[in-house]
Amino acid sequence: MSAECIFCKIVAHEIPADIVHASDHVVAFRDLEPKAPVHILIIPKEHISSMADLKEKNAHMLAEVFTAASHLAKAEGIEDTGWRVVSNVGADAGQGVFHLHFHLLGGRPMGWPPG
C-alpha cells in the first residue's frame, strides 16, 4: 500500500467511494467523473503501479478483475448492449492515478479508436 495513493486510501476505507464489488483481492467503485453512463473502476487491493509491473503471481488477481467486470456488466444491465474494459499504462496513455486500474465502460455507443 502506498500512503499517498488515492486508490490505496479507498482500499483502506480512509476516503469514501461508491463501492459496488469487493473480494479478497479486488475492489470496484464508481468513477467520480464518469465518461459513460456506466463507468466503474476495478482495482487490485495490492498497490501495483500499472500493467507494466504485473508479475506471474498476479494471475489470480487478474482473473478476479475480469470476472468482476463480467459480473458488473450483468448487474449494470449492459451485458447485451456492449461494454469495454480499458487500462492505461503511463502518462502518455492517459494514466492519471498510478495504481493499476481498469475502467469498465458501457451504456452508450463507443467509437474506435477512442478519443
PDB file of N, CA and C in Angstrom:
ATOM      1  N   MET A   1       0.844  -1.176   0.000  1.00  0.00           N
ATOM      2  CA  MET A   1       0.000   0.000   0.000  1.00  0.00           C
ATOM      3  C   MET A   1       0.887   1.236   0.000  1.00  0.00           C
ATOM      4  N   SER A   2       0.506   2.215  -0.795  1.00  0.00           N
ATOM      5  CA  SER A   2       1.223   3.469  -0.868  1.00  0.00           C
ATOM      6  C   SER A   2       0.448   4.530  -0.088  1.00  0.00           C
ATOM      7  N   ALA A   3       1.105   5.191   0.835  1.00  0.00           N
ATOM      8  CA  ALA A   3       0.446   6.168   1.707  1.00  0.00           C
ATOM      9  C   ALA A   3      -0.151   7.338   0.936  1.00  0.00           C
ATOM     10  N   GLU A   4       0.414   7.697  -0.219  1.00  0.00           N
ATOM     11  CA  GLU A   4      -0.070   8.839  -0.988  1.00  0.00           C
ATOM     12  C   GLU A   4      -1.112   8.466  -2.038  1.00  0.00           C
ATOM     13  N   CYS A   5      -1.282   7.194  -2.314  1.00  0.00           N
ATOM     14  CA  CYS A   5      -2.129   6.738  -3.408  1.00  0.00           C
ATOM     15  C   CYS A   5      -3.607   6.812  -3.028  1.00  0.00           C
ATOM     16  N   ILE A   6      -4.376   7.549  -3.820  1.00  0.00           N
ATOM     17  CA  ILE A   6      -5.803   7.704  -3.540  1.00  0.00           C
ATOM     18  C   ILE A   6      -6.545   6.371  -3.605  1.00  0.00           C
ATOM     19  N   PHE A   7      -6.155   5.485  -4.510  1.00  0.00           N
ATOM     20  CA  PHE A   7      -6.826   4.192  -4.603  1.00  0.00           C
ATOM     21  C   PHE A   7      -6.479   3.312  -3.402  1.00  0.00           C
ATOM     22  N   CYS A   8      -5.252   3.386  -2.899  1.00  0.00           N
ATOM     23  CA  CYS A   8      -4.896   2.655  -1.678  1.00  0.00           C
ATOM     24  C   CYS A   8      -5.722   3.170  -0.501  1.00  0.00           C
ATOM     25  N   LYS A   9      -5.995   4.465  -0.484  1.00  0.00           N
ATOM     26  CA  LYS A   9      -6.822   5.032   0.587  1.00  0.00           C
ATOM     27  C   LYS A   9      -8.268   4.548   0.476  1.00  0.00           C
ATOM     28  N   ILE A  10      -8.758   4.343  -0.735  1.00  0.00           N
ATOM     29  CA  ILE A  10     -10.098   3.773  -0.912  1.00  0.00           C
ATOM     30  C   ILE A  10     -10.107   2.328  -0.408  1.00  0.00           C
ATOM     31  N   VAL A  11      -9.092   1.548  -0.764  1.00  0.00           N
ATOM     32  CA  VAL A  11      -8.994   0.162  -0.298  1.00  0.00           C
ATOM     33  C   VAL A  11      -8.981   0.113   1.233  1.00  0.00           C
ATOM     34  N   ALA A  12      -8.278   1.051   1.859  1.00  0.00           N
ATOM     35  CA  ALA A  12      -8.157   1.091   3.321  1.00  0.00           C
ATOM     36  C   ALA A  12      -9.363   1.757   3.997  1.00  0.00           C
ATOM     37  N   HIS A  13     -10.345   2.181   3.200  1.00  0.00           N
ATOM     38  CA  HIS A  13     -11.541   2.870   3.703  1.00  0.00           C
ATOM     39  C   HIS A  13     -11.197   4.184   4.417  1.00  0.00           C
ATOM     40  N   GLU A  14     -10.104   4.820   3.982  1.00  0.00           N
ATOM     41  CA  GLU A  14      -9.717   6.119   4.534  1.00  0.00           C
ATOM     42  C   GLU A  14     -10.450   7.262   3.854  1.00  0.00           C
ATOM     43  N   ILE A  15     -10.896   7.039   2.624  1.00  0.00           N
ATOM     44  CA  ILE A  15     -11.729   8.008   1.918  1.00  0.00           C
ATOM     45  C   ILE A  15     -12.922   7.258   1.327  1.00  0.00           C
ATOM     46  N   PRO A  16     -14.060   7.941   1.218  1.00  0.00           N
ATOM     47  CA  PRO A  16     -15.265   7.242   0.750  1.00  0.00           C
ATOM     48  C   PRO A  16     -15.238   6.981  -0.748  1.00  0.00           C
ATOM     49  N   ALA A  17     -15.952   5.941  -1.135  1.00  0.00           N
ATOM     50  CA  ALA A  17     -16.151   5.602  -2.544  1.00  0.00           C
ATOM     51  C   ALA A  17     -17.448   4.807  -2.625  1.00  0.00           C
ATOM     52  N   ASP A  18     -18.093   4.882  -3.778  1.00  0.00           N
ATOM     53  CA  ASP A  18     -19.308   4.110  -4.022  1.00  0.00           C
ATOM     54  C   ASP A  18     -18.882   2.719  -4.494  1.00  0.00           C
ATOM     55  N   ILE A  19     -18.574   1.849  -3.533  1.00  0.00           N
ATOM     56  CA  ILE A  19     -18.058   0.518  -3.824  1.00  0.00           C
ATOM     57  C   ILE A  19     -19.204  -0.380  -4.272  1.00  0.00           C
ATOM     58  N   VAL A  20     -19.018  -1.012  -5.432  1.00  0.00           N
ATOM     59  CA  VAL A  20     -20.054  -1.877  -5.998  1.00  0.00           C
ATOM     60  C   VAL A  20     -19.646  -3.352  -6.006  1.00  0.00           C
ATOM     61  N   HIS A  21     -18.392  -3.629  -5.669  1.00  0.00           N
ATOM     62  CA  HIS A  21     -17.906  -5.010  -5.631  1.00  0.00           C
ATOM     63  C   HIS A  21     -16.633  -5.039  -4.793  1.00  0.00           C
ATOM     64  N   ALA A  22     -16.490  -6.102  -4.007  1.00  0.00           N
ATOM     65  CA  ALA A  22     -15.249  -6.317  -3.259  1.00  0.00           C
ATOM     66  C   ALA A  22     -15.032  -7.808  -3.083  1.00  0.00           C
ATOM     67  N   SER A  23     -13.791  -8.229  -3.220  1.00  0.00           N
ATOM     68  CA  SER A  23     -13.399  -9.615  -2.983  1.00  0.00           C
ATOM     69  C   SER A  23     -12.100  -9.581  -2.194  1.00  0.00           C
ATOM     70  N   ASP A  24     -11.459 -10.723  -2.043  1.00  0.00           N
ATOM     71  CA  ASP A  24     -10.203 -10.762  -1.296  1.00  0.00           C
ATOM     72  C   ASP A  24      -9.104  -9.924  -1.943  1.00  0.00           C
ATOM     73  N   HIS A  25      -9.137  -9.815  -3.283  1.00  0.00           N
ATOM     74  CA  HIS A  25      -8.024  -9.180  -3.989  1.00  0.00           C
ATOM     75  C   HIS A  25      -8.408  -7.965  -4.828  1.00  0.00           C
ATOM     76  N   VAL A  26      -9.708  -7.696  -4.976  1.00  0.00           N
ATOM     77  CA  VAL A  26     -10.181  -6.683  -5.922  1.00  0.00           C
ATOM     78  C   VAL A  26     -11.290  -5.840  -5.302  1.00  0.00           C
ATOM     79  N   VAL A  27     -11.294  -4.559  -5.654  1.00  0.00           N
ATOM     80  CA  VAL A  27     -12.369  -3.639  -5.267  1.00  0.00           C
ATOM     81  C   VAL A  27     -12.821  -2.909  -6.528  1.00  0.00           C
ATOM     82  N   ALA A  28     -14.126  -2.681  -6.638  1.00  0.00           N
ATOM     83  CA  ALA A  28     -14.674  -1.924  -7.766  1.00  0.00           C
ATOM     84  C   ALA A  28     -15.572  -0.823  -7.222  1.00  0.00           C
ATOM     85  N   PHE A  29     -15.451   0.361  -7.819  1.00  0.00           N
ATOM     86  CA  PHE A  29     -16.237   1.505  -7.364  1.00  0.00           C
ATOM     87  C   PHE A  29     -16.538   2.414  -8.538  1.00  0.00           C
ATOM     88  N   ARG A  30     -17.577   3.229  -8.386  1.00  0.00           N
ATOM     89  CA  ARG A  30     -17.993   4.139  -9.454  1.00  0.00           C
ATOM     90  C   ARG A  30     -16.991   5.282  -9.591  1.00  0.00           C
ATOM     91  N   ASP A  31     -16.680   5.625 -10.853  1.00  0.00           N
ATOM     92  CA  ASP A  31     -15.782   6.743 -11.153  1.00  0.00           C
ATOM     93  C   ASP A  31     -16.465   8.054 -10.790  1.00  0.00           C
ATOM     94  N   LEU A  32     -15.732   8.956 -10.171  1.00  0.00           N
ATOM     95  CA  LEU A  32     -16.287  10.257  -9.784  1.00  0.00           C
ATOM     96  C   LEU A  32     -16.523  11.183 -10.967  1.00  0.00           C
ATOM     97  N   GLU A  33     -15.848  10.927 -12.085  1.00  0.00           N
ATOM     98  CA  GLU A  33     -16.019  11.725 -13.298  1.00  0.00           C
ATOM     99  C   GLU A  33     -16.327  10.776 -14.452  1.00  0.00           C
ATOM    100  N   PRO A  34     -17.522  10.193 -14.462  1.00  0.00           N
ATOM    101  CA  PRO A  34     -17.834   9.156 -15.451  1.00  0.00           C
ATOM    102  C   PRO A  34     -17.795   9.655 -16.889  1.00  0.00           C
ATOM    103  N   LYS A  35     -17.270   8.800 -17.770  1.00  0.00           N
ATOM    104  CA  LYS A  35     -17.193   9.071 -19.209  1.00  0.00           C
ATOM    105  C   LYS A  35     -18.254   8.303 -19.985  1.00  0.00           C
ATOM    106  N   ALA A  36     -19.092   7.566 -19.260  1.00  0.00           N
ATOM    107  CA  ALA A  36     -20.191   6.797 -19.846  1.00  0.00           C
ATOM    108  C   ALA A  36     -21.229   6.604 -18.747  1.00  0.00           C
ATOM    109  N   PRO A  37     -22.462   6.249 -19.115  1.00  0.00           N
ATOM    110  CA  PRO A  37     -23.483   6.012 -18.089  1.00  0.00           C
ATOM    111  C   PRO A  37     -23.053   4.975 -17.044  1.00  0.00           C
ATOM    112  N   VAL A  38     -22.316   3.954 -17.470  1.00  0.00           N
ATOM    113  CA  VAL A  38     -21.688   3.022 -16.533  1.00  0.00           C
ATOM    114  C   VAL A  38     -20.183   3.240 -16.647  1.00  0.00           C
ATOM    115  N   HIS A  39     -19.586   3.665 -15.547  1.00  0.00           N
ATOM    116  CA  HIS A  39     -18.134   3.862 -15.504  1.00  0.00           C
ATOM    117  C   HIS A  39     -17.672   3.440 -14.115  1.00  0.00           C
ATOM    118  N   ILE A  40     -17.159   2.226 -14.057  1.00  0.00           N
ATOM    119  CA  ILE A  40     -16.719   1.635 -12.796  1.00  0.00           C
ATOM    120  C   ILE A  40     -15.226   1.357 -12.896  1.00  0.00           C
ATOM    121  N   LEU A  41     -14.496   1.673 -11.834  1.00  0.00           N
ATOM    122  CA  LEU A  41     -13.075   1.362 -11.754  1.00  0.00           C
ATOM    123  C   LEU A  41     -12.898   0.075 -10.974  1.00  0.00           C
ATOM    124  N   ILE A  42     -12.113  -0.830 -11.508  1.00  0.00           N
ATOM    125  CA  ILE A  42     -11.821  -2.110 -10.862  1.00  0.00           C
ATOM    126  C   ILE A  42     -10.328  -2.121 -10.578  1.00  0.00           C
ATOM    127  N   ILE A  43      -9.984  -2.285  -9.300  1.00  0.00           N
ATOM    128  CA  ILE A  43      -8.575  -2.182  -8.898  1.00  0.00           C
ATOM    129  C   ILE A  43      -8.163  -3.369  -8.033  1.00  0.00           C
ATOM    130  N   PRO A  44      -6.875  -3.722  -8.079  1.00  0.00           N
ATOM    131  CA  PRO A  44      -6.384  -4.692  -7.103  1.00  0.00           C
ATOM    132  C   PRO A  44      -6.222  -4.006  -5.749  1.00  0.00           C
ATOM    133  N   LYS A  45      -6.423  -4.760  -4.680  1.00  0.00           N
ATOM    134  CA  LYS A  45      -6.195  -4.194  -3.345  1.00  0.00           C
ATOM    135  C   LYS A  45      -4.709  -3.941  -3.116  1.00  0.00           C
ATOM    136  N   GLU A  46      -3.869  -4.782  -3.693  1.00  0.00           N
ATOM    137  CA  GLU A  46      -2.419  -4.593  -3.600  1.00  0.00           C
ATOM    138  C   GLU A  46      -2.007  -3.431  -4.494  1.00  0.00           C
ATOM    139  N   HIS A  47      -1.112  -2.582  -4.010  1.00  0.00           N
ATOM    140  CA  HIS A  47      -0.639  -1.475  -4.844  1.00  0.00           C
ATOM    141  C   HIS A  47       0.319  -2.013  -5.908  1.00  0.00           C
ATOM    142  N   ILE A  48      -0.113  -1.892  -7.160  1.00  0.00           N
ATOM    143  CA  ILE A  48       0.703  -2.199  -8.337  1.00  0.00           C
ATOM    144  C   ILE A  48       0.560  -0.967  -9.216  1.00  0.00           C
ATOM    145  N   SER A  49       1.648  -0.393  -9.664  1.00  0.00           N
ATOM    146  CA  SER A  49       1.592   0.897 -10.362  1.00  0.00           C
ATOM    147  C   SER A  49       0.856   0.840 -11.693  1.00  0.00           C
ATOM    148  N   SER A  50       1.070  -0.201 -12.481  1.00  0.00           N
ATOM    149  CA  SER A  50       0.422  -0.307 -13.795  1.00  0.00           C
ATOM    150  C   SER A  50       0.583  -1.736 -14.308  1.00  0.00           C
ATOM    151  N   MET A  51       0.003  -2.006 -15.470  1.00  0.00           N
ATOM    152  CA  MET A  51       0.164  -3.331 -16.078  1.00  0.00           C
ATOM    153  C   MET A  51       1.625  -3.654 -16.334  1.00  0.00           C
ATOM    154  N   ALA A  52       2.452  -2.640 -16.522  1.00  0.00           N
ATOM    155  CA  ALA A  52       3.877  -2.865 -16.777  1.00  0.00           C
ATOM    156  C   ALA A  52       4.568  -3.523 -15.580  1.00  0.00           C
ATOM    157  N   ASP A  53       3.947  -3.454 -14.403  1.00  0.00           N
ATOM    158  CA  ASP A  53       4.557  -4.009 -13.194  1.00  0.00           C
ATOM    159  C   ASP A  53       3.950  -5.342 -12.762  1.00  0.00           C
ATOM    160  N   LEU A  54       3.102  -5.920 -13.584  1.00  0.00           N
ATOM    161  CA  LEU A  54       2.497  -7.205 -13.249  1.00  0.00           C
ATOM    162  C   LEU A  54       3.523  -8.328 -13.272  1.00  0.00           C
ATOM    163  N   LYS A  55       3.311  -9.286 -12.385  1.00  0.00           N
ATOM    164  CA  LYS A  55       4.160 -10.480 -12.289  1.00  0.00           C
ATOM    165  C   LYS A  55       3.266 -11.710 -12.424  1.00  0.00           C
ATOM    166  N   GLU A  56       3.876 -12.859 -12.619  1.00  0.00           N
ATOM    167  CA  GLU A  56       3.108 -14.111 -12.711  1.00  0.00           C
ATOM    168  C   GLU A  56       2.242 -14.319 -11.483  1.00  0.00           C
ATOM    169  N   LYS A  57       2.725 -13.911 -10.317  1.00  0.00           N
ATOM    170  CA  LYS A  57       1.962 -14.105  -9.081  1.00  0.00           C
ATOM    171  C   LYS A  57       0.637 -13.325  -9.085  1.00  0.00           C
ATOM    172  N   ASN A  58       0.469 -12.378 -10.002  1.00  0.00           N
ATOM    173  CA  ASN A  58      -0.755 -11.571 -10.080  1.00  0.00           C
ATOM    174  C   ASN A  58      -1.839 -12.202 -10.943  1.00  0.00           C
ATOM    175  N   ALA A  59      -1.606 -13.390 -11.479  1.00  0.00           N
ATOM    176  CA  ALA A  59      -2.564 -14.009 -12.396  1.00  0.00           C
ATOM    177  C   ALA A  59      -3.927 -14.210 -11.754  1.00  0.00           C
ATOM    178  N   HIS A  60      -3.979 -14.670 -10.513  1.00  0.00           N
ATOM    179  CA  HIS A  60      -5.264 -14.895  -9.849  1.00  0.00           C
ATOM    180  C   HIS A  60      -6.029 -13.582  -9.677  1.00  0.00           C
ATOM    181  N   MET A  61      -5.314 -12.527  -9.299  1.00  0.00           N
ATOM    182  CA  MET A  61      -5.944 -11.218  -9.139  1.00  0.00           C
ATOM    183  C   MET A  61      -6.523 -10.734 -10.470  1.00  0.00           C
ATOM    184  N   LEU A  62      -5.791 -10.930 -11.559  1.00  0.00           N
ATOM    185  CA  LEU A  62      -6.292 -10.511 -12.869  1.00  0.00           C
ATOM    186  C   LEU A  62      -7.534 -11.296 -13.262  1.00  0.00           C
ATOM    187  N   ALA A  63      -7.561 -12.577 -12.944  1.00  0.00           N
ATOM    188  CA  ALA A  63      -8.774 -13.365 -13.203  1.00  0.00           C
ATOM    189  C   ALA A  63      -9.945 -12.779 -12.413  1.00  0.00           C
ATOM    190  N   GLU A  64      -9.716 -12.357 -11.182  1.00  0.00           N
ATOM    191  CA  GLU A  64     -10.767 -11.728 -10.377  1.00  0.00           C
ATOM    192  C   GLU A  64     -11.226 -10.411 -10.994  1.00  0.00           C
ATOM    193  N   VAL A  65     -10.306  -9.638 -11.538  1.00  0.00           N
ATOM    194  CA  VAL A  65     -10.661  -8.365 -12.177  1.00  0.00           C
ATOM    195  C   VAL A  65     -11.647  -8.609 -13.312  1.00  0.00           C
ATOM    196  N   PHE A  66     -11.328  -9.551 -14.184  1.00  0.00           N
ATOM    197  CA  PHE A  66     -12.169  -9.759 -15.360  1.00  0.00           C
ATOM    198  C   PHE A  66     -13.461 -10.506 -15.029  1.00  0.00           C
ATOM    199  N   THR A  67     -13.432 -11.342 -14.015  1.00  0.00           N
ATOM    200  CA  THR A  67     -14.667 -11.958 -13.537  1.00  0.00           C
ATOM    201  C   THR A  67     -15.574 -10.891 -12.948  1.00  0.00           C
ATOM    202  N   ALA A  68     -14.999  -9.969 -12.180  1.00  0.00           N
ATOM    203  CA  ALA A  68     -15.779  -8.856 -11.620  1.00  0.00           C
ATOM    204  C   ALA A  68     -16.357  -7.988 -12.728  1.00  0.00           C
ATOM    205  N   ALA A  69     -15.584  -7.719 -13.770  1.00  0.00           N
ATOM    206  CA  ALA A  69     -16.074  -6.903 -14.887  1.00  0.00           C
ATOM    207  C   ALA A  69     -17.291  -7.559 -15.534  1.00  0.00           C
ATOM    208  N   SER A  70     -17.223  -8.851 -15.765  1.00  0.00           N
ATOM    209  CA  SER A  70     -18.347  -9.558 -16.366  1.00  0.00           C
ATOM    210  C   SER A  70     -19.574  -9.522 -15.454  1.00  0.00           C
ATOM    211  N   HIS A  71     -19.371  -9.776 -14.179  1.00  0.00           N
ATOM    212  CA  HIS A  71     -20.462  -9.738 -13.203  1.00  0.00           C
ATOM    213  C   HIS A  71     -21.089  -8.340 -13.144  1.00  0.00           C
ATOM    214  N   LEU A  72     -20.254  -7.318 -13.107  1.00  0.00           N
ATOM    215  CA  LEU A  72     -20.757  -5.945 -13.019  1.00  0.00           C
ATOM    216  C   LEU A  72     -21.485  -5.523 -14.291  1.00  0.00           C
ATOM    217  N   ALA A  73     -21.009  -5.958 -15.451  1.00  0.00           N
ATOM    218  CA  ALA A  73     -21.711  -5.646 -16.702  1.00  0.00           C
ATOM    219  C   ALA A  73     -23.125  -6.211 -16.661  1.00  0.00           C
ATOM    220  N   LYS A  74     -23.276  -7.430 -16.154  1.00  0.00           N
ATOM    221  CA  LYS A  74     -24.601  -8.023 -15.997  1.00  0.00           C
ATOM    222  C   LYS A  74     -25.430  -7.224 -15.002  1.00  0.00           C
ATOM    223  N   ALA A  75     -24.845  -6.916 -13.848  1.00  0.00           N
ATOM    224  CA  ALA A  75     -25.561  -6.204 -12.787  1.00  0.00           C
ATOM    225  C   ALA A  75     -25.993  -4.801 -13.213  1.00  0.00           C
ATOM    226  N   GLU A  76     -25.199  -4.179 -14.084  1.00  0.00           N
ATOM    227  CA  GLU A  76     -25.491  -2.814 -14.533  1.00  0.00           C
ATOM    228  C   GLU A  76     -26.388  -2.782 -15.768  1.00  0.00           C
ATOM    229  N   GLY A  77     -26.745  -3.949 -16.292  1.00  0.00           N
ATOM    230  CA  GLY A  77     -27.656  -4.014 -17.428  1.00  0.00           C
ATOM    231  C   GLY A  77     -27.032  -3.705 -18.777  1.00  0.00           C
ATOM    232  N   ILE A  78     -25.717  -3.856 -18.889  1.00  0.00           N
ATOM    233  CA  ILE A  78     -25.042  -3.566 -20.160  1.00  0.00           C
ATOM    234  C   ILE A  78     -24.482  -4.828 -20.815  1.00  0.00           C
ATOM    235  N   GLU A  79     -24.795  -5.964 -20.243  1.00  0.00           N
ATOM    236  CA  GLU A  79     -24.267  -7.233 -20.752  1.00  0.00           C
ATOM    237  C   GLU A  79     -24.594  -7.442 -22.229  1.00  0.00           C
ATOM    238  N   ASP A  80     -25.821  -7.129 -22.630  1.00  0.00           N
ATOM    239  CA  ASP A  80     -26.252  -7.404 -24.005  1.00  0.00           C
ATOM    240  C   ASP A  80     -25.979  -6.260 -24.980  1.00  0.00           C
ATOM    241  N   THR A  81     -25.802  -5.050 -24.474  1.00  0.00           N
ATOM    242  CA  THR A  81     -25.611  -3.903 -25.366  1.00  0.00           C
ATOM    243  C   THR A  81     -24.145  -3.630 -25.674  1.00  0.00           C
ATOM    244  N   GLY A  82     -23.252  -4.151 -24.851  1.00  0.00           N
ATOM    245  CA  GLY A  82     -21.821  -3.978 -25.088  1.00  0.00           C
ATOM    246  C   GLY A  82     -21.150  -3.147 -24.015  1.00  0.00           C
ATOM    247  N   TRP A  83     -19.902  -3.482 -23.784  1.00  0.00           N
ATOM    248  CA  TRP A  83     -19.119  -2.779 -22.781  1.00  0.00           C
ATOM    249  C   TRP A  83     -17.636  -2.912 -23.099  1.00  0.00           C
ATOM    250  N   ARG A  84     -16.858  -2.087 -22.445  1.00  0.00           N
ATOM    251  CA  ARG A  84     -15.423  -2.010 -22.725  1.00  0.00           C
ATOM    252  C   ARG A  84     -14.658  -2.022 -21.401  1.00  0.00           C
ATOM    253  N   VAL A  85     -13.488  -2.649 -21.406  1.00  0.00           N
ATOM    254  CA  VAL A  85     -12.565  -2.592 -20.274  1.00  0.00           C
ATOM    255  C   VAL A  85     -11.261  -2.001 -20.790  1.00  0.00           C
ATOM    256  N   VAL A  86     -10.780  -0.972 -20.104  1.00  0.00           N
ATOM    257  CA  VAL A  86      -9.582  -0.252 -20.544  1.00  0.00           C
ATOM    258  C   VAL A  86      -8.643  -0.057 -19.360  1.00  0.00           C
ATOM    259  N   SER A  87      -7.351  -0.212 -19.600  1.00  0.00           N
ATOM    260  CA  SER A  87      -6.339   0.150 -18.617  1.00  0.00           C
ATOM    261  C   SER A  87      -5.241   0.915 -19.338  1.00  0.00           C
ATOM    262  N   ASN A  88      -4.966   2.100 -18.866  1.00  0.00           N
ATOM    263  CA  ASN A  88      -3.921   2.945 -19.454  1.00  0.00           C
ATOM    264  C   ASN A  88      -2.606   2.695 -18.721  1.00  0.00           C
ATOM    265  N   VAL A  89      -1.511   2.694 -19.456  1.00  0.00           N
ATOM    266  CA  VAL A  89      -0.194   2.476 -18.868  1.00  0.00           C
ATOM    267  C   VAL A  89       0.678   3.682 -19.182  1.00  0.00           C
ATOM    268  N   GLY A  90       0.976   4.471 -18.175  1.00  0.00           N
ATOM    269  CA  GLY A  90       1.838   5.630 -18.331  1.00  0.00           C
ATOM    270  C   GLY A  90       1.084   6.908 -18.662  1.00  0.00           C
ATOM    271  N   ALA A  91       1.737   8.010 -18.387  1.00  0.00           N
ATOM    272  CA  ALA A  91       1.128   9.332 -18.568  1.00  0.00           C
ATOM    273  C   ALA A  91       0.721   9.588 -20.021  1.00  0.00           C
ATOM    274  N   ASP A  92       1.556   9.196 -20.982  1.00  0.00           N
ATOM    275  CA  ASP A  92       1.222   9.443 -22.386  1.00  0.00           C
ATOM    276  C   ASP A  92      -0.018   8.679 -22.839  1.00  0.00           C
ATOM    277  N   ALA A  93      -0.347   7.584 -22.159  1.00  0.00           N
ATOM    278  CA  ALA A  93      -1.541   6.809 -22.488  1.00  0.00           C
ATOM    279  C   ALA A  93      -2.767   7.309 -21.733  1.00  0.00           C
ATOM    280  N   GLY A  94      -2.563   8.267 -20.825  1.00  0.00           N
ATOM    281  CA  GLY A  94      -3.684   8.832 -20.081  1.00  0.00           C
ATOM    282  C   GLY A  94      -3.814   8.328 -18.660  1.00  0.00           C
ATOM    283  N   GLN A  95      -2.827   7.582 -18.166  1.00  0.00           N
ATOM    284  CA  GLN A  95      -2.913   7.109 -16.787  1.00  0.00           C
ATOM    285  C   GLN A  95      -2.726   8.288 -15.841  1.00  0.00           C
ATOM    286  N   GLY A  96      -3.741   8.559 -15.033  1.00  0.00           N
ATOM    287  CA  GLY A  96      -3.690   9.683 -14.098  1.00  0.00           C
ATOM    288  C   GLY A  96      -3.415   9.272 -12.671  1.00  0.00           C
ATOM    289  N   VAL A  97      -3.822   8.059 -12.308  1.00  0.00           N
ATOM    290  CA  VAL A  97      -3.553   7.516 -10.976  1.00  0.00           C
ATOM    291  C   VAL A  97      -2.662   6.303 -11.181  1.00  0.00           C
ATOM    292  N   PHE A  98      -1.503   6.317 -10.541  1.00  0.00           N
ATOM    293  CA  PHE A  98      -0.514   5.267 -10.770  1.00  0.00           C
ATOM    294  C   PHE A  98      -0.690   4.124  -9.771  1.00  0.00           C
ATOM    295  N   HIS A  99      -1.889   3.569  -9.829  1.00  0.00           N
ATOM    296  CA  HIS A  99      -2.283   2.323  -9.162  1.00  0.00           C
ATOM    297  C   HIS A  99      -3.067   1.594 -10.241  1.00  0.00           C
ATOM    298  N   LEU A 100      -2.660   0.372 -10.553  1.00  0.00           N
ATOM    299  CA  LEU A 100      -3.317  -0.380 -11.615  1.00  0.00           C
ATOM    300  C   LEU A 100      -4.827  -0.299 -11.458  1.00  0.00           C
ATOM    301  N   HIS A 101      -5.500   0.073 -12.542  1.00  0.00           N
ATOM    302  CA  HIS A 101      -6.962   0.097 -12.526  1.00  0.00           C
ATOM    303  C   HIS A 101      -7.498  -0.129 -13.925  1.00  0.00           C
ATOM    304  N   PHE A 102      -8.702  -0.671 -13.938  1.00  0.00           N
ATOM    305  CA  PHE A 102      -9.382  -0.987 -15.180  1.00  0.00           C
ATOM    306  C   PHE A 102     -10.702  -0.240 -15.191  1.00  0.00           C
ATOM    307  N   HIS A 103     -10.987   0.450 -16.287  1.00  0.00           N
ATOM    308  CA  HIS A 103     -12.249   1.167 -16.453  1.00  0.00           C
ATOM    309  C   HIS A 103     -13.239   0.222 -17.126  1.00  0.00           C
ATOM    310  N   LEU A 104     -14.363  -0.023 -16.481  1.00  0.00           N
ATOM    311  CA  LEU A 104     -15.477  -0.729 -17.099  1.00  0.00           C
ATOM    312  C   LEU A 104     -16.434   0.344 -17.587  1.00  0.00           C
ATOM    313  N   LEU A 105     -16.625   0.421 -18.906  1.00  0.00           N
ATOM    314  CA  LEU A 105     -17.436   1.467 -19.527  1.00  0.00           C
ATOM    315  C   LEU A 105     -18.548   0.855 -20.354  1.00  0.00           C
ATOM    316  N   GLY A 106     -19.742   1.445 -20.275  1.00  0.00           N
ATOM    317  CA  GLY A 106     -20.843   0.984 -21.081  1.00  0.00           C
ATOM    318  C   GLY A 106     -22.060   1.873 -20.924  1.00  0.00           C
ATOM    319  N   GLY A 107     -23.114   1.499 -21.615  1.00  0.00           N
ATOM    320  CA  GLY A 107     -24.356   2.252 -21.526  1.00  0.00           C
ATOM    321  C   GLY A 107     -24.526   3.279 -22.604  1.00  0.00           C
ATOM    322  N   ARG A 108     -23.586   3.335 -23.553  1.00  0.00           N
ATOM    323  CA  ARG A 108     -23.692   4.222 -24.712  1.00  0.00           C
ATOM    324  C   ARG A 108     -22.813   3.660 -25.823  1.00  0.00           C
ATOM    325  N   PRO A 109     -23.110   4.025 -27.081  1.00  0.00           N
ATOM    326  CA  PRO A 109     -22.235   3.599 -28.174  1.00  0.00           C
ATOM    327  C   PRO A 109     -20.841   4.218 -28.025  1.00  0.00           C
ATOM    328  N   MET A 110     -19.829   3.461 -28.347  1.00  0.00           N
ATOM    329  CA  MET A 110     -18.450   3.928 -28.265  1.00  0.00           C
ATOM    330  C   MET A 110     -17.760   3.686 -29.591  1.00  0.00           C
ATOM    331  N   GLY A 111     -16.985   4.641 -30.007  1.00  0.00           N
ATOM    332  CA  GLY A 111     -16.256   4.507 -31.265  1.00  0.00           C
ATOM    333  C   GLY A 111     -14.900   3.870 -31.084  1.00  0.00           C
ATOM    334  N   TRP A 112     -14.295   3.553 -32.209  1.00  0.00           N
ATOM    335  CA  TRP A 112     -12.918   3.061 -32.200  1.00  0.00           C
ATOM    336  C   TRP A 112     -12.185   3.682 -33.356  1.00  0.00           C
ATOM    337  N   PRO A 113     -11.024   4.222 -33.189  1.00  0.00           N
ATOM    338  CA  PRO A 113     -10.294   4.252 -31.929  1.00  0.00           C
ATOM    339  C   PRO A 113     -10.900   5.263 -30.966  1.00  0.00           C
ATOM    340  N   PRO A 114     -10.605   5.101 -29.661  1.00  0.00           N
ATOM    341  CA  PRO A 114     -11.143   6.042 -28.670  1.00  0.00           C
ATOM    342  C   PRO A 114     -10.529   7.417 -28.846  1.00  0.00           C
ATOM    343  N   GLY A 115     -11.243   8.394 -28.357  1.00  0.00           N
ATOM    344  CA  GLY A 115     -10.656   9.690 -28.218  1.00  0.00           C
ATOM    345  C   GLY A 115     -10.858  10.711 -29.178  1.00  0.00           C
TER     346      GLY A 115
END
